[in-house]
Every structure is written in C-alpha cells, then in structure tokens.
C-alpha cells in the first residue's frame, strides 16, 4: 500500500512540475497544504463525533 501512495505522490510532483507558473516550492506548499487541510477536516469530524456520543450517553 505504501508503494501505491508514494507512486501517487510522485505522480503529483511530476504533473505539477510540468506547469510553467509553479516552481517546486509552490507545488510542495500546495500539496502539504492540501494534506494538512484534509487531516484537519477529519480531526474535527472525529472530535465532533466523540463529543456527540458523550452528549447522547449522558442521562
């Protein structure tokens, strides 16, 4: 599975490098921003779910 993940990441780097408007730093910042944003979204969803379960189980 890690092989497929690394292959997908390298494919994103390769396709992003083909654009003349971005350099490697912009591409890296974009990809890291997307990853951090997605992780943050799921972290907030998990916190909301834990909070909702604790509220529902209270008598």
C-alpha atoms as a PDB file:
ATOM      1  CA  UNK A   1       0.000   0.000   0.000  1.00  0.00           C
ATOM      2  CA  UNK A   2       2.848   2.411   0.803  1.00  0.00           C
ATOM      3  CA  UNK A   3       4.241   1.821  -2.669  1.00  0.00           C
ATOM      4  CA  UNK A   4       0.990   2.992  -4.260  1.00  0.00           C
ATOM      5  CA  UNK A   5       0.852   6.033  -2.006  1.00  0.00           C
ATOM      6  CA  UNK A   6       4.408   7.051  -2.859  1.00  0.00           C
ATOM      7  CA  UNK A   7       3.712   6.460  -6.553  1.00  0.00           C
ATOM      8  CA  UNK A   8       0.681   8.766  -6.373  1.00  0.00           C
ATOM      9  CA  UNK A   9       2.699  11.455  -4.582  1.00  0.00           C
ATOM     10  CA  UNK A  10       5.495  11.301  -7.146  1.00  0.00           C
ATOM     11  CA  UNK A  11       2.937  11.437  -9.946  1.00  0.00           C
ATOM     12  CA  UNK A  12       1.515  14.648  -8.446  1.00  0.00           C
ATOM     13  CA  UNK A  13       5.009  16.124  -8.281  1.00  0.00           C
ATOM     14  CA  UNK A  14       5.648  15.191 -11.899  1.00  0.00           C
ATOM     15  CA  UNK A  15       2.403  16.654 -13.213  1.00  0.00           C
ATOM     16  CA  UNK A  16       2.813  19.804 -11.137  1.00  0.00           C
ATOM     17  CA  UNK A  17       6.342  20.356 -12.397  1.00  0.00           C
ATOM     18  CA  UNK A  18       5.004  20.459 -15.970  1.00  0.00           C
ATOM     19  CA  UNK A  19       3.247  23.733 -15.200  1.00  0.00           C
ATOM     20  CA  UNK A  20       5.393  26.753 -16.021  1.00  0.00           C
ATOM     21  CA  UNK A  21       3.647  29.027 -13.498  1.00  0.00           C
ATOM     22  CA  UNK A  22       4.643  26.993 -10.436  1.00  0.00           C
ATOM     23  CA  UNK A  23       8.066  26.127  -9.227  1.00  0.00           C
ATOM     24  CA  UNK A  24       8.860  23.216  -6.931  1.00  0.00           C
ATOM     25  CA  UNK A  25       8.357  25.247  -3.746  1.00  0.00           C
ATOM     26  CA  UNK A  26       4.851  26.305  -4.779  1.00  0.00           C
ATOM     27  CA  UNK A  27       3.986  22.736  -5.664  1.00  0.00           C
ATOM     28  CA  UNK A  28       5.269  21.413  -2.373  1.00  0.00           C
ATOM     29  CA  UNK A  29       3.384  24.086  -0.421  1.00  0.00           C
ATOM     30  CA  UNK A  30       0.167  23.278  -2.278  1.00  0.00           C
ATOM     31  CA  UNK A  31       0.433  19.546  -1.667  1.00  0.00           C
ATOM     32  CA  UNK A  32       1.359  19.966   2.003  1.00  0.00           C
ATOM     33  CA  UNK A  33      -1.484  22.444   2.472  1.00  0.00           C
ATOM     34  CA  UNK A  34      -3.973  20.014   0.970  1.00  0.00           C
ATOM     35  CA  UNK A  35      -2.729  17.161   3.140  1.00  0.00           C
ATOM     36  CA  UNK A  36      -2.829  19.259   6.320  1.00  0.00           C
ATOM     37  CA  UNK A  37      -6.298  20.563   5.422  1.00  0.00           C
ATOM     38  CA  UNK A  38      -7.673  17.065   4.842  1.00  0.00           C
ATOM     39  CA  UNK A  39      -6.165  15.765   8.095  1.00  0.00           C
ATOM     40  CA  UNK A  40      -7.589  18.772   9.949  1.00  0.00           C
ATOM     41  CA  UNK A  41     -11.036  18.195   8.479  1.00  0.00           C
ATOM     42  CA  UNK A  42     -11.101  14.571   9.605  1.00  0.00           C
ATOM     43  CA  UNK A  43      -9.708  15.508  13.042  1.00  0.00           C
ATOM     44  CA  UNK A  44     -12.570  17.970  13.502  1.00  0.00           C
ATOM     45  CA  UNK A  45     -15.089  15.353  12.365  1.00  0.00           C
ATOM     46  CA  UNK A  46     -13.657  12.866  14.884  1.00  0.00           C
ATOM     47  CA  UNK A  47     -13.811  15.402  17.706  1.00  0.00           C
ATOM     48  CA  UNK A  48     -17.408  16.228  16.797  1.00  0.00           C
ATOM     49  CA  UNK A  49     -18.343  12.537  16.745  1.00  0.00           C
ATOM     50  CA  UNK A  50     -16.735  11.918  20.154  1.00  0.00           C
ATOM     51  CA  UNK A  51     -18.493  14.965  21.594  1.00  0.00           C
ATOM     52  CA  UNK A  52     -21.839  13.898  20.135  1.00  0.00           C
ATOM     53  CA  UNK A  53     -21.519  10.359  21.548  1.00  0.00           C
ATOM     54  CA  UNK A  54     -20.636  11.662  25.012  1.00  0.00           C
ATOM     55  CA  UNK A  55     -23.631  14.022  24.991  1.00  0.00           C
ATOM     56  CA  UNK A  56     -26.032  11.275  23.873  1.00  0.00           C
ATOM     57  CA  UNK A  57     -24.913   8.834  26.582  1.00  0.00           C
ATOM     58  CA  UNK A  58     -25.404  11.304  29.428  1.00  0.00           C
ATOM     59  CA  UNK A  59     -28.568  10.615  31.465  1.00  0.00           C
END
